[in-house]
Amino acid sequence: MTAEPAGGWTRDPGLQPERTRLAWRRTTLSGTVAAVLAMRTVLRGGATVAGVLVCALCVAFWLGFLLVAHSRIRTLAAAHDPATLSPRQAAAAVLCTIALAVCAAALIS
């Protein structure tokens, strides 16, 4: 934050997009770990057809989230005043995250 001449504080517009970009990167890393653990679970427990299909779904949902996240990261990095996340992108990110969690739970049980 920077001081105004009147003694008040103004918001630094560069910090929030940077924090948001870093949060997208951390979330992408978490999804990557979940997808890798799903593959490891399938391969260590004896690869069944159902396990391989669920693992393939995990990877597909991870790739979907990765696509949304990298699109958002590029938007945040390119613009000084980035546009807000569209409802379609937000819904896609939520759907991929929930589906990845469901697939991972199915692999564990």
PDB file of N, CA and C in Angstrom:
ATOM      1  N   MET A   1       0.845  -1.174   0.000  1.00  0.00           N
ATOM      2  CA  MET A   1       0.000   0.000   0.000  1.00  0.00           C
ATOM      3  C   MET A   1       0.890   1.237   0.000  1.00  0.00           C
ATOM      4  N   THR A   2       0.418   2.270  -0.606  1.00  0.00           N
ATOM      5  CA  THR A   2       1.187   3.505  -0.671  1.00  0.00           C
ATOM      6  C   THR A   2       0.414   4.604   0.033  1.00  0.00           C
ATOM      7  N   ALA A   3       1.144   5.554   0.560  1.00  0.00           N
ATOM      8  CA  ALA A   3       0.502   6.650   1.279  1.00  0.00           C
ATOM      9  C   ALA A   3       0.026   7.715   0.289  1.00  0.00           C
ATOM     10  N   GLU A   4      -1.171   8.231   0.523  1.00  0.00           N
ATOM     11  CA  GLU A   4      -1.686   9.358  -0.252  1.00  0.00           C
ATOM     12  C   GLU A   4      -1.224  10.647   0.405  1.00  0.00           C
ATOM     13  N   PRO A   5      -1.217  11.739  -0.324  1.00  0.00           N
ATOM     14  CA  PRO A   5      -0.830  13.011   0.280  1.00  0.00           C
ATOM     15  C   PRO A   5      -1.713  13.402   1.467  1.00  0.00           C
ATOM     16  N   ALA A   6      -2.973  13.009   1.485  1.00  0.00           N
ATOM     17  CA  ALA A   6      -3.882  13.367   2.568  1.00  0.00           C
ATOM     18  C   ALA A   6      -3.687  12.465   3.788  1.00  0.00           C
ATOM     19  N   GLY A   7      -2.798  11.478   3.701  1.00  0.00           N
ATOM     20  CA  GLY A   7      -2.525  10.609   4.835  1.00  0.00           C
ATOM     21  C   GLY A   7      -3.288   9.300   4.800  1.00  0.00           C
ATOM     22  N   GLY A   8      -4.171   9.101   3.806  1.00  0.00           N
ATOM     23  CA  GLY A   8      -4.908   7.844   3.685  1.00  0.00           C
ATOM     24  C   GLY A   8      -4.080   6.809   2.945  1.00  0.00           C
ATOM     25  N   TRP A   9      -4.654   5.633   2.743  1.00  0.00           N
ATOM     26  CA  TRP A   9      -3.964   4.557   2.039  1.00  0.00           C
ATOM     27  C   TRP A   9      -4.700   4.216   0.761  1.00  0.00           C
ATOM     28  N   THR A  10      -3.952   3.907  -0.276  1.00  0.00           N
ATOM     29  CA  THR A  10      -4.549   3.454  -1.526  1.00  0.00           C
ATOM     30  C   THR A  10      -4.126   2.015  -1.767  1.00  0.00           C
ATOM     31  N   ARG A  11      -4.932   1.304  -2.490  1.00  0.00           N
ATOM     32  CA  ARG A  11      -4.657  -0.093  -2.809  1.00  0.00           C
ATOM     33  C   ARG A  11      -3.616  -0.168  -3.909  1.00  0.00           C
ATOM     34  N   ASP A  12      -2.649  -1.060  -3.746  1.00  0.00           N
ATOM     35  CA  ASP A  12      -1.654  -1.285  -4.783  1.00  0.00           C
ATOM     36  C   ASP A  12      -2.241  -2.289  -5.772  1.00  0.00           C
ATOM     37  N   PRO A  13      -2.570  -1.879  -6.995  1.00  0.00           N
ATOM     38  CA  PRO A  13      -3.251  -2.790  -7.928  1.00  0.00           C
ATOM     39  C   PRO A  13      -2.383  -3.943  -8.410  1.00  0.00           C
ATOM     40  N   GLY A  14      -1.105  -3.938  -8.145  1.00  0.00           N
ATOM     41  CA  GLY A  14      -0.236  -5.007  -8.614  1.00  0.00           C
ATOM     42  C   GLY A  14      -0.187  -6.208  -7.692  1.00  0.00           C
ATOM     43  N   LEU A  15      -0.546  -6.021  -6.431  1.00  0.00           N
ATOM     44  CA  LEU A  15      -0.414  -7.114  -5.467  1.00  0.00           C
ATOM     45  C   LEU A  15      -1.509  -8.171  -5.586  1.00  0.00           C
ATOM     46  N   GLN A  16      -2.750  -7.743  -5.727  1.00  0.00           N
ATOM     47  CA  GLN A  16      -3.835  -8.723  -5.755  1.00  0.00           C
ATOM     48  C   GLN A  16      -3.744  -9.670  -6.954  1.00  0.00           C
ATOM     49  N   PRO A  17      -3.527  -9.179  -8.171  1.00  0.00           N
ATOM     50  CA  PRO A  17      -3.368 -10.126  -9.288  1.00  0.00           C
ATOM     51  C   PRO A  17      -2.185 -11.074  -9.094  1.00  0.00           C
ATOM     52  N   GLU A  18      -1.109 -10.583  -8.469  1.00  0.00           N
ATOM     53  CA  GLU A  18       0.052 -11.443  -8.231  1.00  0.00           C
ATOM     54  C   GLU A  18      -0.296 -12.550  -7.235  1.00  0.00           C
ATOM     55  N   ARG A  19      -0.987 -12.208  -6.158  1.00  0.00           N
ATOM     56  CA  ARG A  19      -1.397 -13.226  -5.180  1.00  0.00           C
ATOM     57  C   ARG A  19      -2.347 -14.228  -5.811  1.00  0.00           C
ATOM     58  N   THR A  20      -3.263 -13.751  -6.636  1.00  0.00           N
ATOM     59  CA  THR A  20      -4.210 -14.640  -7.295  1.00  0.00           C
ATOM     60  C   THR A  20      -3.493 -15.567  -8.267  1.00  0.00           C
ATOM     61  N   ARG A  21      -2.535 -15.041  -9.001  1.00  0.00           N
ATOM     62  CA  ARG A  21      -1.760 -15.860  -9.935  1.00  0.00           C
ATOM     63  C   ARG A  21      -0.996 -16.953  -9.188  1.00  0.00           C
ATOM     64  N   LEU A  22      -0.405 -16.598  -8.063  1.00  0.00           N
ATOM     65  CA  LEU A  22       0.310 -17.587  -7.260  1.00  0.00           C
ATOM     66  C   LEU A  22      -0.643 -18.634  -6.681  1.00  0.00           C
ATOM     67  N   ALA A  23      -1.845 -18.231  -6.313  1.00  0.00           N
ATOM     68  CA  ALA A  23      -2.836 -19.187  -5.801  1.00  0.00           C
ATOM     69  C   ALA A  23      -3.243 -20.172  -6.890  1.00  0.00           C
ATOM     70  N   TRP A  24      -3.407 -19.700  -8.116  1.00  0.00           N
ATOM     71  CA  TRP A  24      -3.720 -20.604  -9.231  1.00  0.00           C
ATOM     72  C   TRP A  24      -2.586 -21.597  -9.438  1.00  0.00           C
ATOM     73  N   ARG A  25      -1.351 -21.141  -9.315  1.00  0.00           N
ATOM     74  CA  ARG A  25      -0.206 -22.044  -9.481  1.00  0.00           C
ATOM     75  C   ARG A  25      -0.170 -23.105  -8.382  1.00  0.00           C
ATOM     76  N   ARG A  26      -0.430 -22.689  -7.140  1.00  0.00           N
ATOM     77  CA  ARG A  26      -0.454 -23.661  -6.040  1.00  0.00           C
ATOM     78  C   ARG A  26      -1.559 -24.680  -6.228  1.00  0.00           C
ATOM     79  N   THR A  27      -2.715 -24.239  -6.663  1.00  0.00           N
ATOM     80  CA  THR A  27      -3.835 -25.146  -6.877  1.00  0.00           C
ATOM     81  C   THR A  27      -3.536 -26.110  -8.016  1.00  0.00           C
ATOM     82  N   THR A  28      -2.887 -25.622  -9.065  1.00  0.00           N
ATOM     83  CA  THR A  28      -2.488 -26.490 -10.166  1.00  0.00           C
ATOM     84  C   THR A  28      -1.505 -27.555  -9.675  1.00  0.00           C
ATOM     85  N   LEU A  29      -0.578 -27.164  -8.829  1.00  0.00           N
ATOM     86  CA  LEU A  29       0.373 -28.119  -8.266  1.00  0.00           C
ATOM     87  C   LEU A  29      -0.351 -29.167  -7.418  1.00  0.00           C
ATOM     88  N   SER A  30      -1.333 -28.751  -6.637  1.00  0.00           N
ATOM     89  CA  SER A  30      -2.105 -29.704  -5.828  1.00  0.00           C
ATOM     90  C   SER A  30      -2.854 -30.699  -6.711  1.00  0.00           C
ATOM     91  N   GLY A  31      -3.436 -30.214  -7.790  1.00  0.00           N
ATOM     92  CA  GLY A  31      -4.124 -31.104  -8.731  1.00  0.00           C
ATOM     93  C   GLY A  31      -3.166 -32.072  -9.391  1.00  0.00           C
ATOM     94  N   THR A  32      -1.963 -31.610  -9.682  1.00  0.00           N
ATOM     95  CA  THR A  32      -0.948 -32.474 -10.271  1.00  0.00           C
ATOM     96  C   THR A  32      -0.573 -33.603  -9.314  1.00  0.00           C
ATOM     97  N   VAL A  33      -0.408 -33.266  -8.047  1.00  0.00           N
ATOM     98  CA  VAL A  33      -0.081 -34.279  -7.045  1.00  0.00           C
ATOM     99  C   VAL A  33      -1.217 -35.293  -6.933  1.00  0.00           C
ATOM    100  N   ALA A  34      -2.454 -34.827  -6.945  1.00  0.00           N
ATOM    101  CA  ALA A  34      -3.602 -35.742  -6.858  1.00  0.00           C
ATOM    102  C   ALA A  34      -3.642 -36.688  -8.062  1.00  0.00           C
ATOM    103  N   ALA A  35      -3.390 -36.160  -9.253  1.00  0.00           N
ATOM    104  CA  ALA A  35      -3.414 -37.006 -10.452  1.00  0.00           C
ATOM    105  C   ALA A  35      -2.275 -38.026 -10.432  1.00  0.00           C
ATOM    106  N   VAL A  36      -1.106 -37.606  -9.984  1.00  0.00           N
ATOM    107  CA  VAL A  36       0.025 -38.530  -9.912  1.00  0.00           C
ATOM    108  C   VAL A  36      -0.236 -39.615  -8.870  1.00  0.00           C
ATOM    109  N   LEU A  37      -0.799 -39.244  -7.732  1.00  0.00           N
ATOM    110  CA  LEU A  37      -1.122 -40.242  -6.713  1.00  0.00           C
ATOM    111  C   LEU A  37      -2.191 -41.210  -7.200  1.00  0.00           C
ATOM    112  N   ALA A  38      -3.122 -40.712  -8.004  1.00  0.00           N
ATOM    113  CA  ALA A  38      -4.139 -41.603  -8.577  1.00  0.00           C
ATOM    114  C   ALA A  38      -3.483 -42.623  -9.497  1.00  0.00           C
ATOM    115  N   MET A  39      -2.562 -42.168 -10.332  1.00  0.00           N
ATOM    116  CA  MET A  39      -1.853 -43.100 -11.224  1.00  0.00           C
ATOM    117  C   MET A  39      -1.040 -44.100 -10.411  1.00  0.00           C
ATOM    118  N   ARG A  40      -0.396 -43.629  -9.369  1.00  0.00           N
ATOM    119  CA  ARG A  40       0.414 -44.510  -8.526  1.00  0.00           C
ATOM    120  C   ARG A  40      -0.468 -45.562  -7.854  1.00  0.00           C
ATOM    121  N   THR A  41      -1.636 -45.160  -7.385  1.00  0.00           N
ATOM    122  CA  THR A  41      -2.557 -46.090  -6.738  1.00  0.00           C
ATOM    123  C   THR A  41      -2.991 -47.190  -7.698  1.00  0.00           C
ATOM    124  N   VAL A  42      -3.305 -46.805  -8.917  1.00  0.00           N
ATOM    125  CA  VAL A  42      -3.734 -47.794  -9.912  1.00  0.00           C
ATOM    126  C   VAL A  42      -2.610 -48.752 -10.247  1.00  0.00           C
ATOM    127  N   LEU A  43      -1.415 -48.221 -10.432  1.00  0.00           N
ATOM    128  CA  LEU A  43      -0.289 -49.065 -10.843  1.00  0.00           C
ATOM    129  C   LEU A  43       0.210 -49.971  -9.719  1.00  0.00           C
ATOM    130  N   ARG A  44       0.144 -49.516  -8.486  1.00  0.00           N
ATOM    131  CA  ARG A  44       0.631 -50.331  -7.370  1.00  0.00           C
ATOM    132  C   ARG A  44      -0.366 -51.395  -6.946  1.00  0.00           C
ATOM    133  N   GLY A  45      -1.650 -51.124  -7.119  1.00  0.00           N
ATOM    134  CA  GLY A  45      -2.669 -52.059  -6.656  1.00  0.00           C
ATOM    135  C   GLY A  45      -3.035 -53.110  -7.689  1.00  0.00           C
ATOM    136  N   GLY A  46      -2.343 -53.166  -8.767  1.00  0.00           N
ATOM    137  CA  GLY A  46      -2.707 -54.090  -9.836  1.00  0.00           C
ATOM    138  C   GLY A  46      -3.678 -53.400 -10.777  1.00  0.00           C
ATOM    139  N   ALA A  47      -3.250 -53.177 -11.969  1.00  0.00           N
ATOM    140  CA  ALA A  47      -4.033 -52.399 -12.930  1.00  0.00           C
ATOM    141  C   ALA A  47      -5.230 -53.204 -13.428  1.00  0.00           C
ATOM    142  N   THR A  48      -6.423 -52.778 -13.020  1.00  0.00           N
ATOM    143  CA  THR A  48      -7.662 -53.356 -13.535  1.00  0.00           C
ATOM    144  C   THR A  48      -8.219 -52.411 -14.582  1.00  0.00           C
ATOM    145  N   VAL A  49      -9.147 -52.900 -15.355  1.00  0.00           N
ATOM    146  CA  VAL A  49      -9.750 -52.054 -16.390  1.00  0.00           C
ATOM    147  C   VAL A  49     -10.471 -50.873 -15.752  1.00  0.00           C
ATOM    148  N   ALA A  50     -11.232 -51.134 -14.686  1.00  0.00           N
ATOM    149  CA  ALA A  50     -11.956 -50.056 -14.006  1.00  0.00           C
ATOM    150  C   ALA A  50     -10.986 -49.041 -13.409  1.00  0.00           C
ATOM    151  N   GLY A  51      -9.904 -49.516 -12.810  1.00  0.00           N
ATOM    152  CA  GLY A  51      -8.911 -48.614 -12.233  1.00  0.00           C
ATOM    153  C   GLY A  51      -8.253 -47.733 -13.274  1.00  0.00           C
ATOM    154  N   VAL A  52      -7.923 -48.328 -14.405  1.00  0.00           N
ATOM    155  CA  VAL A  52      -7.292 -47.562 -15.482  1.00  0.00           C
ATOM    156  C   VAL A  52      -8.267 -46.521 -16.033  1.00  0.00           C
ATOM    157  N   LEU A  53      -9.544 -46.874 -16.163  1.00  0.00           N
ATOM    158  CA  LEU A  53     -10.534 -45.906 -16.655  1.00  0.00           C
ATOM    159  C   LEU A  53     -10.718 -44.742 -15.684  1.00  0.00           C
ATOM    160  N   VAL A  54     -10.793 -45.047 -14.389  1.00  0.00           N
ATOM    161  CA  VAL A  54     -10.933 -43.977 -13.399  1.00  0.00           C
ATOM    162  C   VAL A  54      -9.678 -43.113 -13.381  1.00  0.00           C
ATOM    163  N   CYS A  55      -8.526 -43.730 -13.512  1.00  0.00           N
ATOM    164  CA  CYS A  55      -7.271 -42.978 -13.574  1.00  0.00           C
ATOM    165  C   CYS A  55      -7.249 -42.075 -14.817  1.00  0.00           C
ATOM    166  N   ALA A  56      -7.717 -42.593 -15.939  1.00  0.00           N
ATOM    167  CA  ALA A  56      -7.787 -41.784 -17.159  1.00  0.00           C
ATOM    168  C   ALA A  56      -8.734 -40.598 -16.974  1.00  0.00           C
ATOM    169  N   LEU A  57      -9.838 -40.819 -16.263  1.00  0.00           N
ATOM    170  CA  LEU A  57     -10.751 -39.708 -15.967  1.00  0.00           C
ATOM    171  C   LEU A  57     -10.071 -38.676 -15.077  1.00  0.00           C
ATOM    172  N   CYS A  58      -9.304 -39.148 -14.081  1.00  0.00           N
ATOM    173  CA  CYS A  58      -8.567 -38.220 -13.214  1.00  0.00           C
ATOM    174  C   CYS A  58      -7.630 -37.338 -14.040  1.00  0.00           C
ATOM    175  N   VAL A  59      -6.915 -37.965 -14.940  1.00  0.00           N
ATOM    176  CA  VAL A  59      -5.975 -37.219 -15.770  1.00  0.00           C
ATOM    177  C   VAL A  59      -6.722 -36.240 -16.688  1.00  0.00           C
ATOM    178  N   ALA A  60      -7.856 -36.669 -17.230  1.00  0.00           N
ATOM    179  CA  ALA A  60      -8.642 -35.775 -18.099  1.00  0.00           C
ATOM    180  C   ALA A  60      -9.154 -34.561 -17.326  1.00  0.00           C
ATOM    181  N   PHE A  61      -9.644 -34.778 -16.109  1.00  0.00           N
ATOM    182  CA  PHE A  61     -10.124 -33.657 -15.303  1.00  0.00           C
ATOM    183  C   PHE A  61      -8.973 -32.762 -14.868  1.00  0.00           C
ATOM    184  N   TRP A  62      -7.827 -33.362 -14.591  1.00  0.00           N
ATOM    185  CA  TRP A  62      -6.653 -32.569 -14.243  1.00  0.00           C
ATOM    186  C   TRP A  62      -6.235 -31.694 -15.429  1.00  0.00           C
ATOM    187  N   LEU A  63      -6.251 -32.266 -16.627  1.00  0.00           N
ATOM    188  CA  LEU A  63      -5.904 -31.479 -17.809  1.00  0.00           C
ATOM    189  C   LEU A  63      -6.907 -30.351 -18.044  1.00  0.00           C
ATOM    190  N   GLY A  64      -8.190 -30.614 -17.785  1.00  0.00           N
ATOM    191  CA  GLY A  64      -9.204 -29.564 -17.905  1.00  0.00           C
ATOM    192  C   GLY A  64      -8.940 -28.424 -16.941  1.00  0.00           C
ATOM    193  N   PHE A  65      -8.628 -28.767 -15.687  1.00  0.00           N
ATOM    194  CA  PHE A  65      -8.316 -27.731 -14.709  1.00  0.00           C
ATOM    195  C   PHE A  65      -7.052 -26.985 -15.106  1.00  0.00           C
ATOM    196  N   LEU A  66      -6.061 -27.720 -15.586  1.00  0.00           N
ATOM    197  CA  LEU A  66      -4.811 -27.103 -16.007  1.00  0.00           C
ATOM    198  C   LEU A  66      -5.048 -26.080 -17.115  1.00  0.00           C
ATOM    199  N   LEU A  67      -5.913 -26.415 -18.051  1.00  0.00           N
ATOM    200  CA  LEU A  67      -6.248 -25.494 -19.140  1.00  0.00           C
ATOM    201  C   LEU A  67      -6.869 -24.207 -18.615  1.00  0.00           C
ATOM    202  N   VAL A  68      -7.832 -24.337 -17.714  1.00  0.00           N
ATOM    203  CA  VAL A  68      -8.477 -23.154 -17.133  1.00  0.00           C
ATOM    204  C   VAL A  68      -7.471 -22.340 -16.323  1.00  0.00           C
ATOM    205  N   ALA A  69      -6.677 -23.022 -15.510  1.00  0.00           N
ATOM    206  CA  ALA A  69      -5.727 -22.322 -14.641  1.00  0.00           C
ATOM    207  C   ALA A  69      -4.676 -21.567 -15.448  1.00  0.00           C
ATOM    208  N   HIS A  70      -4.120 -22.186 -16.460  1.00  0.00           N
ATOM    209  CA  HIS A  70      -3.086 -21.494 -17.236  1.00  0.00           C
ATOM    210  C   HIS A  70      -3.661 -20.342 -18.054  1.00  0.00           C
ATOM    211  N   SER A  71      -4.893 -20.481 -18.482  1.00  0.00           N
ATOM    212  CA  SER A  71      -5.549 -19.359 -19.151  1.00  0.00           C
ATOM    213  C   SER A  71      -5.680 -18.175 -18.196  1.00  0.00           C
ATOM    214  N   ARG A  72      -6.077 -18.470 -16.972  1.00  0.00           N
ATOM    215  CA  ARG A  72      -6.236 -17.412 -15.970  1.00  0.00           C
ATOM    216  C   ARG A  72      -4.888 -16.813 -15.575  1.00  0.00           C
ATOM    217  N   ILE A  73      -3.871 -17.648 -15.436  1.00  0.00           N
ATOM    218  CA  ILE A  73      -2.541 -17.166 -15.077  1.00  0.00           C
ATOM    219  C   ILE A  73      -2.004 -16.221 -16.153  1.00  0.00           C
ATOM    220  N   ARG A  74      -2.210 -16.594 -17.429  1.00  0.00           N
ATOM    221  CA  ARG A  74      -1.768 -15.722 -18.522  1.00  0.00           C
ATOM    222  C   ARG A  74      -2.519 -14.398 -18.500  1.00  0.00           C
ATOM    223  N   THR A  75      -3.812 -14.445 -18.227  1.00  0.00           N
ATOM    224  CA  THR A  75      -4.604 -13.213 -18.168  1.00  0.00           C
ATOM    225  C   THR A  75      -4.116 -12.306 -17.050  1.00  0.00           C
ATOM    226  N   LEU A  76      -3.842 -12.887 -15.894  1.00  0.00           N
ATOM    227  CA  LEU A  76      -3.382 -12.090 -14.760  1.00  0.00           C
ATOM    228  C   LEU A  76      -1.995 -11.503 -14.991  1.00  0.00           C
ATOM    229  N   ALA A  77      -1.149 -12.231 -15.681  1.00  0.00           N
ATOM    230  CA  ALA A  77       0.213 -11.757 -15.916  1.00  0.00           C
ATOM    231  C   ALA A  77       0.286 -10.713 -17.025  1.00  0.00           C
ATOM    232  N   ALA A  78      -0.622 -10.779 -17.995  1.00  0.00           N
ATOM    233  CA  ALA A  78      -0.541  -9.916 -19.171  1.00  0.00           C
ATOM    234  C   ALA A  78      -1.141  -8.532 -18.961  1.00  0.00           C
ATOM    235  N   ALA A  79      -2.158  -8.429 -18.143  1.00  0.00           N
ATOM    236  CA  ALA A  79      -2.890  -7.168 -18.035  1.00  0.00           C
ATOM    237  C   ALA A  79      -2.577  -6.455 -16.727  1.00  0.00           C
ATOM    238  N   HIS A  80      -2.527  -5.121 -16.794  1.00  0.00           N
ATOM    239  CA  HIS A  80      -2.332  -4.329 -15.581  1.00  0.00           C
ATOM    240  C   HIS A  80      -3.589  -4.378 -14.717  1.00  0.00           C
ATOM    241  N   ASP A  81      -4.740  -4.344 -15.352  1.00  0.00           N
ATOM    242  CA  ASP A  81      -6.024  -4.435 -14.665  1.00  0.00           C
ATOM    243  C   ASP A  81      -6.788  -5.607 -15.283  1.00  0.00           C
ATOM    244  N   PRO A  82      -6.508  -6.846 -14.860  1.00  0.00           N
ATOM    245  CA  PRO A  82      -7.087  -8.025 -15.514  1.00  0.00           C
ATOM    246  C   PRO A  82      -8.594  -8.111 -15.333  1.00  0.00           C
ATOM    247  N   ALA A  83      -9.236  -8.707 -16.328  1.00  0.00           N
ATOM    248  CA  ALA A  83     -10.681  -8.922 -16.263  1.00  0.00           C
ATOM    249  C   ALA A  83     -10.989  -9.989 -15.210  1.00  0.00           C
ATOM    250  N   THR A  84     -12.208  -9.963 -14.714  1.00  0.00           N
ATOM    251  CA  THR A  84     -12.599 -10.957 -13.724  1.00  0.00           C
ATOM    252  C   THR A  84     -12.761 -12.318 -14.388  1.00  0.00           C
ATOM    253  N   LEU A  85     -12.722 -13.340 -13.574  1.00  0.00           N
ATOM    254  CA  LEU A  85     -12.889 -14.707 -14.052  1.00  0.00           C
ATOM    255  C   LEU A  85     -14.327 -14.872 -14.542  1.00  0.00           C
ATOM    256  N   SER A  86     -14.481 -15.403 -15.737  1.00  0.00           N
ATOM    257  CA  SER A  86     -15.827 -15.571 -16.287  1.00  0.00           C
ATOM    258  C   SER A  86     -16.551 -16.697 -15.553  1.00  0.00           C
ATOM    259  N   PRO A  87     -17.878 -16.634 -15.480  1.00  0.00           N
ATOM    260  CA  PRO A  87     -18.633 -17.712 -14.826  1.00  0.00           C
ATOM    261  C   PRO A  87     -18.388 -19.069 -15.480  1.00  0.00           C
ATOM    262  N   ARG A  88     -18.191 -19.078 -16.770  1.00  0.00           N
ATOM    263  CA  ARG A  88     -17.935 -20.340 -17.468  1.00  0.00           C
ATOM    264  C   ARG A  88     -16.611 -20.962 -17.029  1.00  0.00           C
ATOM    265  N   GLN A  89     -15.564 -20.132 -16.923  1.00  0.00           N
ATOM    266  CA  GLN A  89     -14.276 -20.632 -16.460  1.00  0.00           C
ATOM    267  C   GLN A  89     -14.350 -21.076 -15.000  1.00  0.00           C
ATOM    268  N   ALA A  90     -15.040 -20.307 -14.186  1.00  0.00           N
ATOM    269  CA  ALA A  90     -15.180 -20.674 -12.775  1.00  0.00           C
ATOM    270  C   ALA A  90     -15.912 -22.003 -12.634  1.00  0.00           C
ATOM    271  N   ALA A  91     -16.978 -22.177 -13.406  1.00  0.00           N
ATOM    272  CA  ALA A  91     -17.731 -23.435 -13.348  1.00  0.00           C
ATOM    273  C   ALA A  91     -16.882 -24.604 -13.822  1.00  0.00           C
ATOM    274  N   ALA A  92     -16.083 -24.392 -14.853  1.00  0.00           N
ATOM    275  CA  ALA A  92     -15.212 -25.457 -15.352  1.00  0.00           C
ATOM    276  C   ALA A  92     -14.166 -25.839 -14.302  1.00  0.00           C
ATOM    277  N   ALA A  93     -13.589 -24.849 -13.635  1.00  0.00           N
ATOM    278  CA  ALA A  93     -12.591 -25.128 -12.600  1.00  0.00           C
ATOM    279  C   ALA A  93     -13.211 -25.890 -11.437  1.00  0.00           C
ATOM    280  N   VAL A  94     -14.399 -25.486 -11.011  1.00  0.00           N
ATOM    281  CA  VAL A  94     -15.083 -26.168  -9.913  1.00  0.00           C
ATOM    282  C   VAL A  94     -15.453 -27.591 -10.312  1.00  0.00           C
ATOM    283  N   LEU A  95     -15.991 -27.757 -11.517  1.00  0.00           N
ATOM    284  CA  LEU A  95     -16.377 -29.091 -11.987  1.00  0.00           C
ATOM    285  C   LEU A  95     -15.170 -30.020 -12.048  1.00  0.00           C
ATOM    286  N   CYS A  96     -14.073 -29.542 -12.590  1.00  0.00           N
ATOM    287  CA  CYS A  96     -12.871 -30.381 -12.680  1.00  0.00           C
ATOM    288  C   CYS A  96     -12.333 -30.730 -11.298  1.00  0.00           C
ATOM    289  N   THR A  97     -12.357 -29.790 -10.377  1.00  0.00           N
ATOM    290  CA  THR A  97     -11.861 -30.041  -9.028  1.00  0.00           C
ATOM    291  C   THR A  97     -12.711 -31.081  -8.312  1.00  0.00           C
ATOM    292  N   ILE A  98     -14.026 -30.930  -8.378  1.00  0.00           N
ATOM    293  CA  ILE A  98     -14.922 -31.880  -7.722  1.00  0.00           C
ATOM    294  C   ILE A  98     -14.822 -33.256  -8.374  1.00  0.00           C
ATOM    295  N   ALA A  99     -14.771 -33.291  -9.683  1.00  0.00           N
ATOM    296  CA  ALA A  99     -14.674 -34.572 -10.389  1.00  0.00           C
ATOM    297  C   ALA A  99     -13.356 -35.268 -10.079  1.00  0.00           C
ATOM    298  N   LEU A 100     -12.278 -34.509  -9.966  1.00  0.00           N
ATOM    299  CA  LEU A 100     -10.986 -35.097  -9.616  1.00  0.00           C
ATOM    300  C   LEU A 100     -11.037 -35.685  -8.208  1.00  0.00           C
ATOM    301  N   ALA A 101     -11.695 -34.989  -7.286  1.00  0.00           N
ATOM    302  CA  ALA A 101     -11.835 -35.506  -5.920  1.00  0.00           C
ATOM    303  C   ALA A 101     -12.674 -36.781  -5.895  1.00  0.00           C
ATOM    304  N   VAL A 102     -13.745 -36.820  -6.678  1.00  0.00           N
ATOM    305  CA  VAL A 102     -14.601 -38.008  -6.731  1.00  0.00           C
ATOM    306  C   VAL A 102     -13.827 -39.187  -7.328  1.00  0.00           C
ATOM    307  N   CYS A 103     -13.093 -38.949  -8.393  1.00  0.00           N
ATOM    308  CA  CYS A 103     -12.292 -40.009  -9.006  1.00  0.00           C
ATOM    309  C   CYS A 103     -11.241 -40.528  -8.032  1.00  0.00           C
ATOM    310  N   ALA A 104     -10.593 -39.634  -7.313  1.00  0.00           N
ATOM    311  CA  ALA A 104      -9.585 -40.054  -6.336  1.00  0.00           C
ATOM    312  C   ALA A 104     -10.225 -40.881  -5.227  1.00  0.00           C
ATOM    313  N   ALA A 105     -11.402 -40.476  -4.762  1.00  0.00           N
ATOM    314  CA  ALA A 105     -12.103 -41.231  -3.733  1.00  0.00           C
ATOM    315  C   ALA A 105     -12.502 -42.611  -4.240  1.00  0.00           C
ATOM    316  N   ALA A 106     -12.882 -42.689  -5.511  1.00  0.00           N
ATOM    317  CA  ALA A 106     -13.255 -43.980  -6.095  1.00  0.00           C
ATOM    318  C   ALA A 106     -12.040 -44.903  -6.173  1.00  0.00           C
ATOM    319  N   LEU A 107     -10.883 -44.356  -6.416  1.00  0.00           N
ATOM    320  CA  LEU A 107      -9.662 -45.169  -6.489  1.00  0.00           C
ATOM    321  C   LEU A 107      -9.252 -45.694  -5.124  1.00  0.00           C
ATOM    322  N   ILE A 108      -9.500 -44.907  -4.094  1.00  0.00           N
ATOM    323  CA  ILE A 108      -9.115 -45.316  -2.749  1.00  0.00           C
ATOM    324  C   ILE A 108     -10.009 -46.426  -2.219  1.00  0.00           C
ATOM    325  N   SER A 109     -11.295 -46.331  -2.513  1.00  0.00           N
ATOM    326  CA  SER A 109     -12.228 -47.321  -1.955  1.00  0.00           C
ATOM    327  C   SER A 109     -12.246 -48.619  -2.725  1.00  0.00           C
TER     328      SER A 109
END
